[in-house]
N, C-alpha and C. Protein backbone atom coordinates (compact mmCIF):
# COMPACT_ATOMS: atom_id res chain seq x y z
N GLU A 1 -190.34 123.42 -152.90
CA GLU A 1 -190.10 123.50 -154.24
C GLU A 1 -190.44 125.37 -154.43
N ALA A 2 -191.84 126.18 -153.98
CA ALA A 2 -191.58 127.14 -154.04
C ALA A 2 -190.91 127.84 -153.02
N MET A 3 -190.17 127.25 -152.39
CA MET A 3 -188.68 128.26 -151.79
C MET A 3 -187.84 128.09 -151.75
N LEU A 4 -187.59 127.08 -152.55
CA LEU A 4 -186.13 127.07 -153.43
C LEU A 4 -185.90 127.67 -155.32
N ARG A 5 -187.50 128.28 -155.45
CA ARG A 5 -187.68 129.17 -156.49
C ARG A 5 -187.65 130.32 -156.70
N GLY A 6 -188.30 130.71 -154.84
CA GLY A 6 -188.09 132.04 -154.37
C GLY A 6 -186.79 132.49 -153.73
N PHE A 7 -185.76 131.74 -153.47
CA PHE A 7 -184.86 131.84 -153.48
C PHE A 7 -183.20 131.98 -154.31
N ALA A 8 -183.67 131.39 -155.59
CA ALA A 8 -183.41 131.13 -156.98
C ALA A 8 -183.06 132.67 -156.88
N ARG A 9 -184.53 132.96 -157.64
CA ARG A 9 -185.05 134.16 -157.76
C ARG A 9 -184.60 135.51 -157.22
N LEU A 10 -184.19 135.57 -155.36
CA LEU A 10 -183.72 136.51 -155.12
C LEU A 10 -182.58 136.63 -155.69
N LEU A 11 -181.89 135.59 -155.01
CA LEU A 11 -179.89 135.99 -154.69
C LEU A 11 -179.71 136.43 -156.59
N ASP A 12 -178.85 137.02 -156.33
CA ASP A 12 -178.07 137.86 -157.30
C ASP A 12 -177.03 136.47 -157.84
N ASP A 13 -176.10 137.10 -158.74
CA ASP A 13 -175.25 135.88 -159.38
C ASP A 13 -174.07 135.79 -158.28
N ALA A 14 -174.04 136.36 -157.15
CA ALA A 14 -172.45 136.58 -156.16
C ALA A 14 -173.32 135.81 -155.30
N GLY A 15 -174.82 135.51 -155.27
CA GLY A 15 -175.11 135.04 -153.67
C GLY A 15 -175.06 134.23 -153.52
N VAL A 16 -175.14 133.50 -152.18
CA VAL A 16 -174.84 132.32 -151.46
C VAL A 16 -175.93 132.13 -150.59
N LEU A 17 -176.83 130.91 -150.90
CA LEU A 17 -177.70 130.24 -149.71
C LEU A 17 -176.70 129.00 -149.11
N VAL A 18 -177.07 129.22 -147.70
CA VAL A 18 -176.51 128.48 -147.34
C VAL A 18 -177.76 127.65 -146.10
N THR A 19 -178.52 126.41 -146.35
CA THR A 19 -179.57 126.12 -146.02
C THR A 19 -179.02 124.58 -145.88
N SER A 20 -180.55 123.39 -144.42
CA SER A 20 -179.82 122.76 -144.36
C SER A 20 -181.47 122.20 -143.70
N THR A 21 -181.36 120.77 -144.09
CA THR A 21 -182.54 119.96 -143.77
C THR A 21 -181.81 118.49 -142.38
N PRO A 22 -183.08 117.84 -141.90
CA PRO A 22 -182.92 117.26 -141.02
C PRO A 22 -182.38 115.80 -141.91
N ASN A 23 -181.62 114.25 -141.57
CA ASN A 23 -181.13 113.67 -142.52
C ASN A 23 -181.93 112.70 -142.33
N ASP A 24 -183.45 112.30 -143.18
CA ASP A 24 -184.30 111.73 -143.23
C ASP A 24 -185.09 111.03 -142.49
N TRP A 25 -185.74 112.60 -141.41
CA TRP A 25 -186.21 112.29 -140.13
C TRP A 25 -187.44 111.98 -140.54
N PRO A 26 -187.90 111.58 -140.00
CA PRO A 26 -189.98 111.03 -140.19
C PRO A 26 -190.40 112.36 -139.79
N VAL A 27 -191.03 112.89 -141.34
CA VAL A 27 -191.72 114.33 -140.54
C VAL A 27 -192.98 114.75 -139.37
N GLU A 28 -192.99 113.75 -138.98
CA GLU A 28 -194.21 113.46 -137.78
C GLU A 28 -193.39 114.06 -137.05
N THR A 29 -191.97 113.84 -136.63
CA THR A 29 -191.19 114.57 -135.96
C THR A 29 -191.04 115.85 -135.31
N SER A 30 -190.86 116.40 -136.53
CA SER A 30 -190.57 117.69 -135.89
C SER A 30 -192.23 118.72 -137.23
N PRO A 31 -192.65 119.52 -136.06
CA PRO A 31 -194.15 120.21 -136.53
C PRO A 31 -193.79 121.55 -137.53
N TYR A 32 -191.96 121.83 -137.93
CA TYR A 32 -191.34 122.64 -138.73
C TYR A 32 -190.74 122.72 -140.20
N HIS A 33 -191.45 120.74 -140.52
CA HIS A 33 -190.79 120.04 -141.55
C HIS A 33 -192.04 119.72 -142.42
N VAL A 34 -192.27 119.70 -143.86
CA VAL A 34 -193.53 119.37 -144.32
C VAL A 34 -193.13 118.19 -145.49
N ARG A 35 -191.96 118.30 -145.61
CA ARG A 35 -191.24 117.01 -146.40
C ARG A 35 -189.70 116.71 -145.93
N SER A 36 -189.47 115.40 -146.05
CA SER A 36 -188.24 114.90 -145.33
C SER A 36 -187.46 114.40 -146.50
N TYR A 37 -186.40 114.85 -146.14
CA TYR A 37 -184.96 114.68 -147.49
C TYR A 37 -183.93 113.78 -147.17
N ASP A 38 -183.59 112.66 -148.01
CA ASP A 38 -182.11 111.80 -147.43
C ASP A 38 -181.61 113.32 -148.26
N PRO A 39 -180.13 112.77 -148.12
CA PRO A 39 -179.29 113.45 -148.89
C PRO A 39 -179.23 113.43 -150.14
N VAL A 40 -179.79 112.55 -150.85
CA VAL A 40 -179.55 112.73 -152.14
C VAL A 40 -181.03 113.38 -152.52
N GLY A 41 -181.84 113.20 -152.08
CA GLY A 41 -183.26 114.05 -152.56
C GLY A 41 -182.58 115.26 -152.10
N PHE A 42 -182.24 115.83 -151.28
CA PHE A 42 -182.04 117.56 -151.06
C PHE A 42 -180.87 117.78 -152.36
N GLU A 43 -180.51 116.91 -152.28
CA GLU A 43 -179.70 117.53 -153.59
C GLU A 43 -179.78 117.41 -154.71
N ARG A 44 -180.93 116.56 -155.46
CA ARG A 44 -181.56 116.67 -156.02
C ARG A 44 -182.33 118.19 -156.25
N ALA A 45 -182.97 118.15 -155.81
CA ALA A 45 -183.99 119.45 -154.82
C ALA A 45 -183.28 120.55 -155.32
N LEU A 46 -182.19 120.47 -154.91
CA LEU A 46 -181.36 122.07 -154.86
C LEU A 46 -180.97 122.35 -156.28
N ARG A 47 -180.54 120.85 -156.97
CA ARG A 47 -179.48 121.45 -157.91
C ARG A 47 -180.85 121.98 -159.12
N ARG A 48 -182.12 121.62 -159.34
CA ARG A 48 -182.98 121.75 -159.95
C ARG A 48 -182.78 123.75 -160.06
N TRP A 49 -182.62 124.51 -158.95
CA TRP A 49 -182.72 125.55 -159.01
C TRP A 49 -180.88 126.52 -158.58
N PHE A 50 -179.93 125.43 -158.69
CA PHE A 50 -178.71 126.16 -158.40
C PHE A 50 -177.64 125.03 -158.92
N ASP A 51 -176.60 126.15 -159.40
CA ASP A 51 -175.87 124.97 -160.73
C ASP A 51 -174.50 124.57 -159.39
N ASP A 52 -174.04 124.74 -158.40
CA ASP A 52 -173.32 124.66 -157.98
C ASP A 52 -174.18 124.95 -156.53
N VAL A 53 -173.90 122.87 -155.91
CA VAL A 53 -173.88 122.84 -154.19
C VAL A 53 -173.29 121.72 -154.05
N THR A 54 -172.90 121.97 -152.96
CA THR A 54 -172.12 121.84 -151.89
C THR A 54 -172.68 120.81 -150.76
N LEU A 55 -172.66 119.62 -150.09
CA LEU A 55 -173.37 119.13 -149.20
C LEU A 55 -172.40 119.19 -148.35
N PHE A 56 -172.42 119.51 -147.45
CA PHE A 56 -171.73 118.69 -145.68
C PHE A 56 -173.16 118.20 -145.00
N ALA A 57 -172.28 117.47 -143.92
CA ALA A 57 -172.97 116.39 -142.46
C ALA A 57 -172.52 117.59 -141.61
N HIS A 58 -173.64 117.56 -140.58
CA HIS A 58 -173.86 118.05 -139.98
C HIS A 58 -173.71 117.17 -138.25
N VAL A 59 -172.59 116.67 -137.96
CA VAL A 59 -172.50 115.45 -137.19
C VAL A 59 -172.36 115.24 -135.79
N VAL A 60 -173.11 115.09 -135.32
CA VAL A 60 -173.82 115.25 -133.45
C VAL A 60 -172.31 114.87 -132.99
N PRO A 61 -171.77 115.47 -131.94
CA PRO A 61 -170.27 114.95 -131.18
C PRO A 61 -171.22 113.32 -130.68
N SER A 62 -170.21 112.66 -130.10
CA SER A 62 -170.47 111.18 -129.63
C SER A 62 -169.15 110.90 -128.86
N GLU A 63 -169.40 109.71 -127.88
CA GLU A 63 -168.39 109.28 -126.97
C GLU A 63 -166.53 109.31 -128.02
N GLY A 64 -165.89 109.73 -128.04
CA GLY A 64 -164.84 109.88 -128.87
C GLY A 64 -164.25 110.15 -129.81
N THR A 65 -165.65 110.90 -130.21
CA THR A 65 -165.69 112.00 -131.72
C THR A 65 -166.03 113.43 -131.25
N ARG A 66 -165.46 114.05 -132.40
CA ARG A 66 -165.50 115.86 -132.30
C ARG A 66 -167.45 116.01 -133.21
N GLY A 67 -167.92 116.79 -132.86
CA GLY A 67 -169.24 116.91 -134.15
C GLY A 67 -168.82 117.74 -134.85
N GLY A 68 -169.65 118.44 -135.65
CA GLY A 68 -169.19 119.62 -136.05
C GLY A 68 -170.09 119.57 -137.87
N VAL A 69 -169.51 120.21 -138.64
CA VAL A 69 -169.80 120.73 -139.72
C VAL A 69 -168.53 120.31 -140.33
N VAL A 70 -168.86 118.97 -141.05
CA VAL A 70 -167.85 117.94 -141.72
C VAL A 70 -168.17 117.88 -144.04
N PRO A 71 -166.67 118.00 -144.53
CA PRO A 71 -167.35 117.76 -145.87
C PRO A 71 -168.24 116.58 -146.02
N TRP A 72 -169.25 116.08 -146.50
CA TRP A 72 -170.41 115.15 -146.87
C TRP A 72 -169.21 113.96 -147.87
N HIS A 73 -169.50 112.88 -147.34
CA HIS A 73 -168.51 111.65 -147.48
C HIS A 73 -170.24 110.40 -147.87
N ARG A 74 -170.40 110.58 -149.35
CA ARG A 74 -171.78 109.65 -149.67
C ARG A 74 -171.47 108.11 -148.39
N GLN A 75 -169.98 107.77 -148.83
CA GLN A 75 -169.90 106.50 -147.97
C GLN A 75 -170.58 106.16 -145.84
N SER A 76 -170.60 107.55 -146.05
CA SER A 76 -171.32 107.16 -144.64
C SER A 76 -172.62 108.03 -144.35
N PRO A 77 -173.15 107.99 -145.20
CA PRO A 77 -174.89 108.98 -144.80
C PRO A 77 -175.30 109.24 -143.68
N THR A 78 -175.40 107.97 -143.04
CA THR A 78 -175.91 107.91 -141.42
C THR A 78 -175.30 108.84 -140.30
N GLU A 79 -174.14 109.02 -140.61
CA GLU A 79 -173.38 109.54 -139.57
C GLU A 79 -173.57 111.40 -139.49
N ALA A 80 -174.69 111.36 -140.52
CA ALA A 80 -175.13 113.24 -140.47
C ALA A 80 -176.33 112.81 -139.76
N GLU A 81 -176.67 114.45 -138.94
CA GLU A 81 -178.05 114.10 -138.13
C GLU A 81 -178.75 115.41 -138.89
N CYS A 82 -177.73 116.60 -139.85
CA CYS A 82 -178.48 117.67 -140.72
C CYS A 82 -177.52 117.49 -142.32
N VAL A 83 -178.09 117.39 -142.80
CA VAL A 83 -177.19 118.02 -144.10
C VAL A 83 -177.18 118.55 -144.50
N VAL A 84 -176.36 119.89 -144.38
CA VAL A 84 -176.13 120.92 -144.64
C VAL A 84 -175.18 121.83 -146.03
N ALA A 85 -175.83 122.26 -147.07
CA ALA A 85 -176.15 122.94 -147.92
C ALA A 85 -175.35 124.44 -148.66
N VAL A 86 -174.28 124.40 -149.31
CA VAL A 86 -174.04 125.61 -149.88
C VAL A 86 -174.11 125.76 -151.29
N CYS A 87 -175.06 126.82 -151.73
CA CYS A 87 -175.58 126.27 -153.01
C CYS A 87 -174.95 128.41 -153.45
N ARG A 88 -174.81 127.98 -154.83
CA ARG A 88 -174.13 129.22 -155.43
C ARG A 88 -175.10 129.10 -157.00
N GLN A 89 -174.44 130.22 -157.55
CA GLN A 89 -175.50 130.58 -159.09
C GLN A 89 -176.34 129.74 -159.44
N PRO A 90 -177.36 131.05 -158.59
CA PRO A 90 -178.99 130.56 -159.27
C PRO A 90 -179.29 130.35 -160.91
N ARG A 91 -180.28 128.92 -160.79
CA ARG A 91 -180.24 129.74 -162.18
C ARG A 91 -182.22 129.94 -162.46
N ARG A 92 -181.87 131.25 -163.43
CA ARG A 92 -183.07 131.93 -163.63
C ARG A 92 -184.46 131.48 -164.37
N ALA A 93 -184.13 130.25 -165.21
CA ALA A 93 -185.04 129.88 -166.08
C ALA A 93 -185.66 128.27 -165.94
N VAL A 94 -186.21 127.15 -165.41
CA VAL A 94 -186.26 126.07 -165.42
C VAL A 94 -187.76 125.20 -165.70
């Protein structure tokens, strides 16, 4: 929360934040994460500090499919290895 607040404070009105989170991984799997988000919780946390939030899915290639960053589709949340967010229009007072 403090980090998101800091990003919103530091970005000017034309600024863009690109951030990502593992898609609901157990926190214990990475020493670099202190919180686990599912896509809905990640978007909710970001919208507290940014008016414009767009989610993308980072999909790992598998047999017969290409991987990459693709638009987020709520009907298939388990396909994403990570959730990528592009945030604009930081809120100054929440």
